[in-house]
């Protein structure tokens, strides 16, 4: 068993999600920026995000199914955004957000169960 095929895709997805969260939401802390600047900075960050996301999916596909990679990515996105919203945006993490995350974690469990067919 090659551990890199199992471990590298989720690690790359974490990195890509951190970058994408900053690309999509980091400009909210800069209300003085014009829309053009916010878009340009976001696209610049997104370029590096793609440099992690594309290899994560190409390396992971085969070890994981496409559906498993997508559900894994969604849960990682929520976990990263939860930390971002608390520590960067200064927002409160409410019980219903945690409940929603729990539902997505359940989705991960279901997607990794062996299916028939």
Protein backbone atom coordinates (compact mmCIF):
# COMPACT_ATOMS: atom_id res chain seq x y z
CA UNK A 1 0.00 0.00 0.00
CA UNK A 2 1.37 3.37 -1.03
CA UNK A 3 0.48 5.75 1.82
CA UNK A 4 1.11 8.78 -0.41
CA UNK A 5 -1.87 7.86 -2.58
CA UNK A 6 -4.11 7.91 0.49
CA UNK A 7 -2.62 10.83 2.41
CA UNK A 8 -1.45 13.28 -0.24
CA UNK A 9 -4.85 14.06 -1.83
CA UNK A 10 -6.53 15.14 1.44
CA UNK A 11 -3.47 17.18 2.43
CA UNK A 12 -3.41 18.94 -0.93
CA UNK A 13 -7.16 19.54 -0.64
CA UNK A 14 -6.67 21.18 2.76
CA UNK A 15 -4.05 23.50 1.29
CA UNK A 16 -6.18 24.32 -1.73
CA UNK A 17 -9.20 25.02 0.45
CA UNK A 18 -7.25 27.39 2.67
CA UNK A 19 -6.16 29.34 -0.40
CA UNK A 20 -9.62 29.30 -1.97
CA UNK A 21 -11.25 30.49 1.23
CA UNK A 22 -8.92 33.49 1.25
CA UNK A 23 -9.57 34.05 -2.46
CA UNK A 24 -13.34 34.06 -2.02
CA UNK A 25 -13.69 35.69 1.39
CA UNK A 26 -10.41 37.35 2.40
CA UNK A 27 -11.31 40.58 0.60
CA UNK A 28 -14.25 41.04 2.98
CA UNK A 29 -11.75 42.44 5.49
CA UNK A 30 -10.78 45.08 2.89
CA UNK A 31 -14.01 47.00 2.21
CA UNK A 32 -11.98 49.92 0.87
CA UNK A 33 -10.74 47.89 -2.08
CA UNK A 34 -12.53 48.48 -5.35
CA UNK A 35 -14.30 45.53 -6.94
CA UNK A 36 -11.62 45.23 -9.65
CA UNK A 37 -8.82 44.97 -7.09
CA UNK A 38 -10.76 42.42 -5.03
CA UNK A 39 -11.33 40.31 -8.15
CA UNK A 40 -7.71 40.57 -9.28
CA UNK A 41 -6.33 39.59 -5.87
CA UNK A 42 -8.84 36.74 -5.60
CA UNK A 43 -7.93 35.39 -9.03
CA UNK A 44 -4.25 35.59 -8.16
CA UNK A 45 -4.81 33.50 -5.05
CA UNK A 46 -7.09 31.10 -6.95
CA UNK A 47 -4.30 30.33 -9.43
CA UNK A 48 -2.22 28.86 -6.62
CA UNK A 49 -5.28 27.08 -5.25
CA UNK A 50 -5.70 25.31 -8.58
CA UNK A 51 -2.04 24.28 -8.44
CA UNK A 52 -2.99 22.21 -5.37
CA UNK A 53 -6.55 21.15 -6.20
CA UNK A 54 -5.83 19.71 -9.65
CA UNK A 55 -2.94 17.48 -8.46
CA UNK A 56 -4.98 16.44 -5.41
CA UNK A 57 -7.74 15.12 -7.65
CA UNK A 58 -5.45 13.61 -10.29
CA UNK A 59 -3.31 11.83 -7.68
CA UNK A 60 -6.33 10.79 -5.63
CA UNK A 61 -8.48 9.49 -8.48
CA UNK A 62 -8.13 5.74 -8.56
CA UNK A 63 -7.37 5.46 -4.87
CA UNK A 64 -10.62 7.35 -4.28
CA UNK A 65 -13.63 7.63 -6.56
CA UNK A 66 -14.59 10.98 -7.99
CA UNK A 67 -17.57 11.07 -5.63
CA UNK A 68 -15.37 10.31 -2.62
CA UNK A 69 -12.95 13.09 -3.58
CA UNK A 70 -15.81 15.58 -3.95
CA UNK A 71 -17.45 14.76 -0.63
CA UNK A 72 -14.03 14.82 1.09
CA UNK A 73 -13.39 18.24 -0.46
CA UNK A 74 -16.73 19.59 0.75
CA UNK A 75 -16.10 18.54 4.35
CA UNK A 76 -12.59 19.99 4.22
CA UNK A 77 -14.07 23.21 2.83
CA UNK A 78 -16.51 23.50 5.71
CA UNK A 79 -13.88 22.76 8.34
CA UNK A 80 -11.47 25.29 6.83
CA UNK A 81 -14.20 27.91 6.53
CA UNK A 82 -15.32 27.37 10.13
CA UNK A 83 -11.81 28.20 11.33
CA UNK A 84 -11.52 31.09 8.88
CA UNK A 85 -14.82 32.64 9.92
CA UNK A 86 -13.91 32.48 13.60
CA UNK A 87 -10.24 33.46 13.47
CA UNK A 88 -10.09 35.76 10.43
CA UNK A 89 -13.58 37.26 10.19
CA UNK A 90 -14.24 37.23 13.94
CA UNK A 91 -17.61 35.51 13.59
CA UNK A 92 -19.25 33.22 16.11
CA UNK A 93 -19.48 29.49 15.43
CA UNK A 94 -23.06 28.57 16.32
CA UNK A 95 -24.53 25.20 17.23
CA UNK A 96 -26.47 24.92 13.96
CA UNK A 97 -23.24 25.35 11.96
CA UNK A 98 -21.72 22.49 13.92
CA UNK A 99 -24.85 20.39 13.35
CA UNK A 100 -24.61 21.04 9.60
CA UNK A 101 -20.96 19.98 9.67
CA UNK A 102 -21.96 16.82 11.49
CA UNK A 103 -24.37 16.02 8.67
CA UNK A 104 -21.58 16.44 6.12
CA UNK A 105 -19.29 14.21 8.16
CA UNK A 106 -22.08 11.64 8.05
CA UNK A 107 -22.09 12.05 4.25
CA UNK A 108 -18.39 11.20 4.21
CA UNK A 109 -19.06 8.08 6.23
CA UNK A 110 -21.79 7.03 3.81
CA UNK A 111 -19.73 7.73 0.69
CA UNK A 112 -16.90 5.53 1.96
CA UNK A 113 -19.13 2.59 2.84
CA UNK A 114 -18.86 -0.25 0.35
CA UNK A 115 -21.80 -0.20 -2.01
CA UNK A 116 -23.27 -2.74 -4.36
CA UNK A 117 -23.29 -2.54 -8.08
